[in-house]
N, C-alpha and C. Protein backbone atom coordinates (compact mmCIF):
# COMPACT_ATOMS: atom_id res chain seq x y z
N MET A 1 0.85 -1.17 0.00
CA MET A 1 0.00 0.00 0.00
C MET A 1 0.89 1.23 0.00
N GLY A 2 0.51 2.26 -0.61
CA GLY A 2 1.27 3.49 -0.71
C GLY A 2 0.78 4.54 0.28
N GLU A 3 1.09 5.76 -0.05
CA GLU A 3 0.70 6.89 0.79
C GLU A 3 -0.80 7.13 0.63
N PRO A 4 -1.44 7.61 1.71
CA PRO A 4 -2.87 7.90 1.58
C PRO A 4 -3.07 9.12 0.68
N ILE A 5 -4.11 9.08 -0.06
CA ILE A 5 -4.44 10.19 -0.96
C ILE A 5 -5.36 11.14 -0.20
N VAL A 6 -5.03 12.40 -0.26
CA VAL A 6 -5.82 13.41 0.42
C VAL A 6 -6.39 14.34 -0.64
N ARG A 7 -7.66 14.66 -0.49
CA ARG A 7 -8.31 15.56 -1.46
C ARG A 7 -7.88 16.99 -1.22
N ASP A 8 -7.57 17.68 -2.29
CA ASP A 8 -7.25 19.10 -2.23
C ASP A 8 -8.53 19.84 -1.83
N PRO A 9 -8.43 20.80 -0.88
CA PRO A 9 -9.64 21.50 -0.43
C PRO A 9 -10.38 22.20 -1.57
N THR A 10 -9.69 22.56 -2.63
CA THR A 10 -10.37 23.22 -3.75
C THR A 10 -11.11 22.21 -4.60
N GLY A 11 -10.84 20.93 -4.35
CA GLY A 11 -11.53 19.90 -5.11
C GLY A 11 -10.92 19.61 -6.44
N ASP A 12 -9.76 20.18 -6.74
CA ASP A 12 -9.17 20.00 -8.07
C ASP A 12 -8.52 18.64 -8.22
N ALA A 13 -7.47 18.38 -7.46
CA ALA A 13 -6.73 17.15 -7.67
C ALA A 13 -6.31 16.58 -6.33
N PRO A 14 -6.24 15.29 -6.23
CA PRO A 14 -5.78 14.69 -4.98
C PRO A 14 -4.28 14.94 -4.80
N THR A 15 -3.85 15.13 -3.55
CA THR A 15 -2.44 15.30 -3.26
C THR A 15 -2.04 14.27 -2.22
N THR A 16 -0.74 14.04 -2.11
CA THR A 16 -0.25 13.10 -1.10
C THR A 16 0.47 13.88 -0.01
N SER A 17 0.70 13.26 1.11
CA SER A 17 1.43 13.92 2.19
C SER A 17 2.88 14.16 1.76
N ALA A 18 3.41 13.37 0.85
CA ALA A 18 4.77 13.57 0.34
C ALA A 18 4.85 14.89 -0.43
N ALA A 19 3.83 15.20 -1.19
CA ALA A 19 3.82 16.46 -1.95
C ALA A 19 3.78 17.65 -0.99
N ARG A 20 3.03 17.54 0.10
CA ARG A 20 2.98 18.61 1.09
C ARG A 20 4.35 18.78 1.76
N ARG A 21 5.03 17.65 2.02
CA ARG A 21 6.36 17.74 2.64
C ARG A 21 7.35 18.42 1.70
N VAL A 22 7.25 18.14 0.41
CA VAL A 22 8.15 18.76 -0.56
C VAL A 22 7.92 20.27 -0.60
N SER A 23 6.66 20.71 -0.59
CA SER A 23 6.42 22.15 -0.65
C SER A 23 6.84 22.82 0.65
N ALA A 24 6.71 22.17 1.81
CA ALA A 24 7.17 22.74 3.08
C ALA A 24 8.69 22.83 3.09
N THR A 25 9.36 21.82 2.56
CA THR A 25 10.82 21.82 2.49
C THR A 25 11.30 22.93 1.56
N ALA A 26 10.63 23.09 0.43
CA ALA A 26 11.01 24.15 -0.51
C ALA A 26 10.83 25.53 0.14
N ALA A 27 9.75 25.73 0.88
CA ALA A 27 9.52 27.01 1.56
C ALA A 27 10.60 27.25 2.61
N PHE A 28 10.96 26.20 3.36
CA PHE A 28 11.99 26.33 4.38
C PHE A 28 13.32 26.73 3.75
N PHE A 29 13.72 26.07 2.66
CA PHE A 29 14.97 26.41 2.00
C PHE A 29 14.93 27.80 1.38
N GLY A 30 13.77 28.24 0.91
CA GLY A 30 13.63 29.59 0.39
C GLY A 30 13.89 30.64 1.47
N VAL A 31 13.33 30.39 2.66
CA VAL A 31 13.56 31.31 3.78
C VAL A 31 15.04 31.30 4.17
N CYS A 32 15.66 30.14 4.20
CA CYS A 32 17.09 30.04 4.53
C CYS A 32 17.95 30.81 3.53
N ILE A 33 17.69 30.65 2.25
CA ILE A 33 18.45 31.35 1.21
C ILE A 33 18.27 32.86 1.35
N ALA A 34 17.05 33.31 1.61
CA ALA A 34 16.80 34.74 1.80
C ALA A 34 17.58 35.25 3.02
N GLY A 35 17.63 34.48 4.10
CA GLY A 35 18.39 34.86 5.29
C GLY A 35 19.87 34.96 5.00
N ILE A 36 20.40 34.04 4.23
CA ILE A 36 21.82 34.07 3.87
C ILE A 36 22.14 35.32 3.04
N ILE A 37 21.27 35.65 2.10
CA ILE A 37 21.49 36.83 1.26
C ILE A 37 21.48 38.09 2.11
N VAL A 38 20.52 38.21 3.03
CA VAL A 38 20.45 39.38 3.91
C VAL A 38 21.71 39.46 4.78
N ALA A 39 22.16 38.33 5.33
CA ALA A 39 23.35 38.32 6.19
C ALA A 39 24.59 38.77 5.42
N VAL A 40 24.76 38.32 4.20
CA VAL A 40 25.91 38.71 3.39
C VAL A 40 25.86 40.21 3.07
N LEU A 41 24.68 40.71 2.73
CA LEU A 41 24.55 42.14 2.43
C LEU A 41 24.85 43.00 3.66
N LEU A 42 24.35 42.61 4.84
CA LEU A 42 24.63 43.35 6.06
C LEU A 42 26.12 43.31 6.43
N ALA A 43 26.75 42.15 6.27
CA ALA A 43 28.18 42.03 6.56
C ALA A 43 29.01 42.90 5.62
N ALA A 44 28.64 42.94 4.34
CA ALA A 44 29.36 43.77 3.38
C ALA A 44 29.20 45.25 3.71
N ALA A 45 28.01 45.65 4.10
CA ALA A 45 27.78 47.05 4.46
C ALA A 45 28.58 47.44 5.70
N GLU A 46 28.65 46.57 6.68
CA GLU A 46 29.40 46.86 7.91
C GLU A 46 30.90 46.86 7.65
N ALA A 47 31.37 45.98 6.79
CA ALA A 47 32.80 45.90 6.49
C ALA A 47 33.28 47.16 5.77
N GLY A 48 32.42 47.79 4.99
CA GLY A 48 32.80 48.99 4.26
C GLY A 48 32.66 50.26 5.06
N ARG A 49 32.11 50.16 6.25
CA ARG A 49 31.88 51.35 7.09
C ARG A 49 33.16 51.78 7.78
N GLU A 50 33.41 53.07 7.78
CA GLU A 50 34.58 53.63 8.45
C GLU A 50 34.33 53.66 9.96
N PRO A 51 35.32 53.30 10.78
CA PRO A 51 35.11 53.31 12.23
C PRO A 51 34.91 54.74 12.74
N ASP A 52 34.14 54.88 13.82
CA ASP A 52 33.89 56.21 14.40
C ASP A 52 35.18 56.86 14.88
N LEU A 53 36.06 56.07 15.48
CA LEU A 53 37.34 56.58 15.97
C LEU A 53 38.47 55.82 15.30
N GLU A 54 39.43 56.56 14.76
CA GLU A 54 40.58 55.94 14.10
C GLU A 54 41.82 56.24 14.93
N LEU A 55 42.59 55.20 15.23
CA LEU A 55 43.82 55.35 16.01
C LEU A 55 45.02 55.13 15.10
N SER A 56 46.00 56.02 15.20
CA SER A 56 47.22 55.88 14.40
C SER A 56 48.13 54.84 15.05
N ASP A 57 49.25 54.58 14.42
CA ASP A 57 50.27 53.73 15.03
C ASP A 57 50.82 54.46 16.25
N VAL A 58 51.26 53.70 17.23
CA VAL A 58 51.78 54.31 18.46
C VAL A 58 53.24 54.72 18.27
N ALA A 59 53.63 55.74 19.01
CA ALA A 59 55.03 56.21 19.03
C ALA A 59 55.51 56.12 20.47
N GLU A 60 56.73 55.61 20.65
CA GLU A 60 57.27 55.42 22.00
C GLU A 60 58.55 56.21 22.19
N VAL A 61 58.65 56.83 23.35
CA VAL A 61 59.89 57.48 23.78
C VAL A 61 60.24 56.85 25.12
N GLN A 62 61.38 56.15 25.15
CA GLN A 62 61.78 55.45 26.38
C GLN A 62 62.57 56.39 27.28
N GLN A 63 62.18 56.37 28.57
CA GLN A 63 62.87 57.18 29.58
C GLN A 63 63.16 56.27 30.77
N GLY A 64 64.25 55.54 30.72
CA GLY A 64 64.55 54.56 31.77
C GLY A 64 63.58 53.40 31.70
N LEU A 65 62.92 53.10 32.83
CA LEU A 65 61.94 52.02 32.85
C LEU A 65 60.56 52.49 32.38
N LEU A 66 60.39 53.80 32.24
CA LEU A 66 59.13 54.35 31.75
C LEU A 66 59.18 54.55 30.25
N SER A 67 58.03 54.30 29.63
CA SER A 67 57.88 54.59 28.21
C SER A 67 56.73 55.57 28.06
N GLU A 68 57.00 56.67 27.38
CA GLU A 68 55.93 57.60 27.04
C GLU A 68 55.42 57.18 25.67
N VAL A 69 54.18 56.73 25.64
CA VAL A 69 53.60 56.19 24.41
C VAL A 69 52.47 57.11 23.96
N SER A 70 52.50 57.51 22.69
CA SER A 70 51.51 58.43 22.15
C SER A 70 50.79 57.81 20.96
N VAL A 71 49.53 58.22 20.78
CA VAL A 71 48.74 57.79 19.64
C VAL A 71 47.83 58.95 19.24
N GLU A 72 47.63 59.11 17.94
CA GLU A 72 46.72 60.14 17.46
C GLU A 72 45.35 59.51 17.22
N VAL A 73 44.32 60.16 17.76
CA VAL A 73 42.94 59.67 17.65
C VAL A 73 42.15 60.66 16.80
N THR A 74 41.47 60.15 15.77
CA THR A 74 40.67 60.99 14.88
C THR A 74 39.21 60.57 14.97
N ASN A 75 38.33 61.55 15.11
CA ASN A 75 36.88 61.31 15.17
C ASN A 75 36.32 61.36 13.75
N ASN A 76 35.92 60.20 13.23
CA ASN A 76 35.36 60.12 11.88
C ASN A 76 33.84 60.20 11.87
N SER A 77 33.23 60.30 13.03
CA SER A 77 31.77 60.30 13.10
C SER A 77 31.22 61.72 12.91
N ASP A 78 29.92 61.82 12.88
CA ASP A 78 29.25 63.11 12.77
C ASP A 78 28.90 63.68 14.14
N ASP A 79 29.29 62.98 15.21
CA ASP A 79 28.96 63.39 16.57
C ASP A 79 30.23 63.69 17.36
N GLU A 80 30.09 64.54 18.35
CA GLU A 80 31.20 64.79 19.26
C GLU A 80 31.45 63.53 20.08
N ARG A 81 32.70 63.15 20.25
CA ARG A 81 33.06 61.92 20.98
C ARG A 81 33.93 62.28 22.17
N CYS A 82 33.83 61.46 23.23
CA CYS A 82 34.66 61.59 24.44
C CYS A 82 35.30 60.23 24.73
N PRO A 83 36.25 59.81 23.91
CA PRO A 83 36.80 58.46 24.05
C PRO A 83 37.75 58.32 25.25
N GLN A 84 37.79 57.12 25.78
CA GLN A 84 38.77 56.76 26.80
C GLN A 84 39.75 55.80 26.13
N ILE A 85 40.98 56.26 25.96
CA ILE A 85 42.00 55.50 25.25
C ILE A 85 42.96 54.88 26.26
N HIS A 86 43.35 53.63 26.01
CA HIS A 86 44.33 52.95 26.84
C HIS A 86 45.47 52.47 25.96
N ILE A 87 46.66 52.38 26.57
CA ILE A 87 47.86 51.87 25.90
C ILE A 87 48.28 50.60 26.64
N ALA A 88 48.57 49.55 25.88
CA ALA A 88 49.01 48.29 26.48
C ALA A 88 50.36 47.89 25.91
N ALA A 89 51.23 47.40 26.80
CA ALA A 89 52.50 46.79 26.37
C ALA A 89 52.21 45.30 26.25
N ARG A 90 52.43 44.72 25.08
CA ARG A 90 52.05 43.33 24.82
C ARG A 90 53.27 42.48 24.52
N ASP A 91 53.17 41.21 24.95
CA ASP A 91 54.24 40.27 24.62
C ASP A 91 53.93 39.59 23.29
N ARG A 92 54.75 38.62 22.90
CA ARG A 92 54.59 37.95 21.60
C ARG A 92 53.32 37.13 21.50
N SER A 93 52.73 36.78 22.64
CA SER A 93 51.47 36.03 22.64
C SER A 93 50.26 36.95 22.78
N ALA A 94 50.47 38.25 22.63
CA ALA A 94 49.43 39.28 22.73
C ALA A 94 48.84 39.39 24.13
N ARG A 95 49.60 38.98 25.15
CA ARG A 95 49.18 39.17 26.54
C ARG A 95 49.71 40.51 27.02
N ASP A 96 48.94 41.17 27.87
CA ASP A 96 49.35 42.47 28.40
C ASP A 96 50.42 42.31 29.47
N LEU A 97 51.52 43.00 29.29
CA LEU A 97 52.55 43.09 30.33
C LEU A 97 52.23 44.24 31.27
N ALA A 98 51.72 45.32 30.71
CA ALA A 98 51.33 46.50 31.48
C ALA A 98 50.31 47.26 30.64
N GLU A 99 49.52 48.09 31.32
CA GLU A 99 48.48 48.85 30.64
C GLU A 99 48.27 50.15 31.40
N ALA A 100 47.98 51.23 30.67
CA ALA A 100 47.76 52.53 31.32
C ALA A 100 46.77 53.34 30.51
N PRO A 101 45.95 54.14 31.20
CA PRO A 101 45.04 55.04 30.48
C PRO A 101 45.84 56.18 29.85
N ALA A 102 45.42 56.60 28.68
CA ALA A 102 46.09 57.71 27.98
C ALA A 102 45.24 58.97 28.12
N ASP A 103 45.92 60.08 28.31
CA ASP A 103 45.25 61.37 28.44
C ASP A 103 45.51 62.21 27.21
N PRO A 104 44.52 63.02 26.80
CA PRO A 104 44.76 63.89 25.64
C PRO A 104 45.78 64.97 25.98
N ALA A 105 46.64 65.26 25.04
CA ALA A 105 47.70 66.25 25.26
C ALA A 105 47.12 67.63 25.52
N THR A 106 45.96 67.90 24.95
CA THR A 106 45.32 69.21 25.14
C THR A 106 44.62 69.31 26.49
N GLY A 107 44.45 68.17 27.17
CA GLY A 107 43.75 68.15 28.44
C GLY A 107 42.26 68.02 28.30
N GLN A 108 41.73 68.16 27.09
CA GLN A 108 40.30 68.07 26.86
C GLN A 108 39.98 66.79 26.11
N ALA A 109 39.07 65.99 26.66
CA ALA A 109 38.76 64.69 26.08
C ALA A 109 37.72 64.76 24.98
N ARG A 110 37.16 65.92 24.70
CA ARG A 110 36.13 66.04 23.66
C ARG A 110 36.77 66.14 22.27
N LEU A 111 36.26 65.32 21.36
CA LEU A 111 36.72 65.38 19.97
C LEU A 111 35.53 65.76 19.10
N ALA A 112 35.62 66.90 18.45
CA ALA A 112 34.57 67.34 17.53
C ALA A 112 34.62 66.46 16.28
N PRO A 113 33.54 66.42 15.49
CA PRO A 113 33.57 65.66 14.24
C PRO A 113 34.73 66.10 13.35
N GLY A 114 35.52 65.15 12.90
CA GLY A 114 36.67 65.42 12.03
C GLY A 114 37.92 65.86 12.76
N ALA A 115 37.84 66.07 14.07
CA ALA A 115 39.00 66.55 14.83
C ALA A 115 39.91 65.39 15.23
N SER A 116 41.18 65.73 15.49
CA SER A 116 42.17 64.75 15.95
C SER A 116 42.81 65.28 17.22
N ALA A 117 43.29 64.36 18.05
CA ALA A 117 44.02 64.73 19.26
C ALA A 117 45.04 63.65 19.55
N THR A 118 46.14 64.06 20.16
CA THR A 118 47.18 63.12 20.57
C THR A 118 46.94 62.72 22.02
N TYR A 119 46.89 61.43 22.27
CA TYR A 119 46.73 60.88 23.61
C TYR A 119 48.07 60.26 24.03
N THR A 120 48.46 60.48 25.28
CA THR A 120 49.75 60.00 25.77
C THR A 120 49.57 59.27 27.09
N ALA A 121 50.34 58.18 27.26
CA ALA A 121 50.32 57.43 28.52
C ALA A 121 51.75 57.09 28.92
N LEU A 122 51.97 56.97 30.21
CA LEU A 122 53.25 56.49 30.73
C LEU A 122 53.08 55.04 31.13
N VAL A 123 53.88 54.17 30.53
CA VAL A 123 53.81 52.73 30.79
C VAL A 123 55.13 52.30 31.39
N GLU A 124 55.07 51.63 32.55
CA GLU A 124 56.29 51.19 33.22
C GLU A 124 56.49 49.69 33.04
N LEU A 125 57.69 49.33 32.61
CA LEU A 125 58.08 47.92 32.44
C LEU A 125 59.40 47.70 33.17
N THR A 126 59.59 46.46 33.64
CA THR A 126 60.89 46.14 34.22
C THR A 126 61.90 45.96 33.09
N GLU A 127 63.16 46.01 33.43
CA GLU A 127 64.21 45.83 32.42
C GLU A 127 64.08 44.45 31.76
N GLN A 128 63.77 43.43 32.55
CA GLN A 128 63.62 42.08 32.01
C GLN A 128 62.42 42.01 31.05
N GLU A 129 61.27 42.59 31.42
CA GLU A 129 60.11 42.60 30.52
C GLU A 129 60.46 43.28 29.22
N ARG A 130 61.12 44.41 29.30
CA ARG A 130 61.48 45.16 28.10
C ARG A 130 62.43 44.35 27.21
N ARG A 131 63.43 43.72 27.82
CA ARG A 131 64.46 43.01 27.08
C ARG A 131 63.97 41.67 26.54
N GLU A 132 63.20 40.93 27.34
CA GLU A 132 62.88 39.55 26.98
C GLU A 132 61.46 39.30 26.50
N GLU A 133 60.52 40.16 26.88
CA GLU A 133 59.12 39.84 26.59
C GLU A 133 58.40 40.83 25.69
N LEU A 134 58.72 42.10 25.78
CA LEU A 134 57.97 43.14 25.06
C LEU A 134 58.03 42.92 23.55
N ASP A 135 56.86 42.90 22.95
CA ASP A 135 56.77 42.79 21.49
C ASP A 135 56.34 44.12 20.89
N GLU A 136 55.31 44.75 21.47
CA GLU A 136 54.79 45.99 20.92
C GLU A 136 53.94 46.74 21.93
N PHE A 137 53.73 48.00 21.66
CA PHE A 137 52.74 48.79 22.38
C PHE A 137 51.53 48.90 21.47
N ASP A 138 50.34 48.84 22.07
CA ASP A 138 49.11 48.88 21.30
C ASP A 138 48.13 49.83 21.97
N ALA A 139 47.45 50.65 21.19
CA ALA A 139 46.43 51.56 21.71
C ALA A 139 45.06 51.01 21.35
N TYR A 140 44.10 51.22 22.25
CA TYR A 140 42.74 50.77 21.98
C TYR A 140 41.73 51.68 22.69
N VAL A 141 40.50 51.66 22.21
CA VAL A 141 39.43 52.44 22.80
C VAL A 141 38.82 51.61 23.92
N ALA A 142 39.03 52.04 25.16
CA ALA A 142 38.49 51.30 26.31
C ALA A 142 37.00 51.57 26.46
N ASP A 143 36.57 52.79 26.14
CA ASP A 143 35.17 53.16 26.24
C ASP A 143 34.95 54.39 25.38
N ASP A 144 33.76 54.53 24.86
CA ASP A 144 33.42 55.66 24.01
C ASP A 144 32.06 56.23 24.42
N PRO A 145 31.97 56.77 25.66
CA PRO A 145 30.69 57.26 26.13
C PRO A 145 30.30 58.55 25.41
N PRO A 146 29.00 58.83 25.37
CA PRO A 146 28.59 60.10 24.77
C PRO A 146 29.09 61.28 25.61
N CYS A 147 29.41 62.36 24.97
CA CYS A 147 29.85 63.56 25.69
C CYS A 147 28.65 64.21 26.37
N ARG A 148 28.87 64.75 27.54
CA ARG A 148 27.77 65.41 28.26
C ARG A 148 28.04 66.87 28.36
């Protein structure tokens, strides 16, 4: 015996439960394909977007065990930003050896749209950390609260 035949509610032609499963499967795959297309389009749009805050490469001036590390921060957004910038000394495994908050050289943390400011931090390392472990200094945005 085969599948039971079910009458189409419109009375046109009998259908089987297998035919209903095929149409449900096709609808499910249609929704999945549409979701994939939307996800790819959103990812492409986000990848092409310029970040609100752009950080330059860091510059270091060594003074004994202290390093004065500077980075230029540029506000690419249309809004005034009040970023909190931190500088980290990292080893070859990208682990932090030391970290310090950076202060704007102008003393004012507000960045107008399109404006740039230099942020500087003092980072202290031991002679052994500097000689044997230090790979690089890295700047990052610790927080970007709205300006008040």
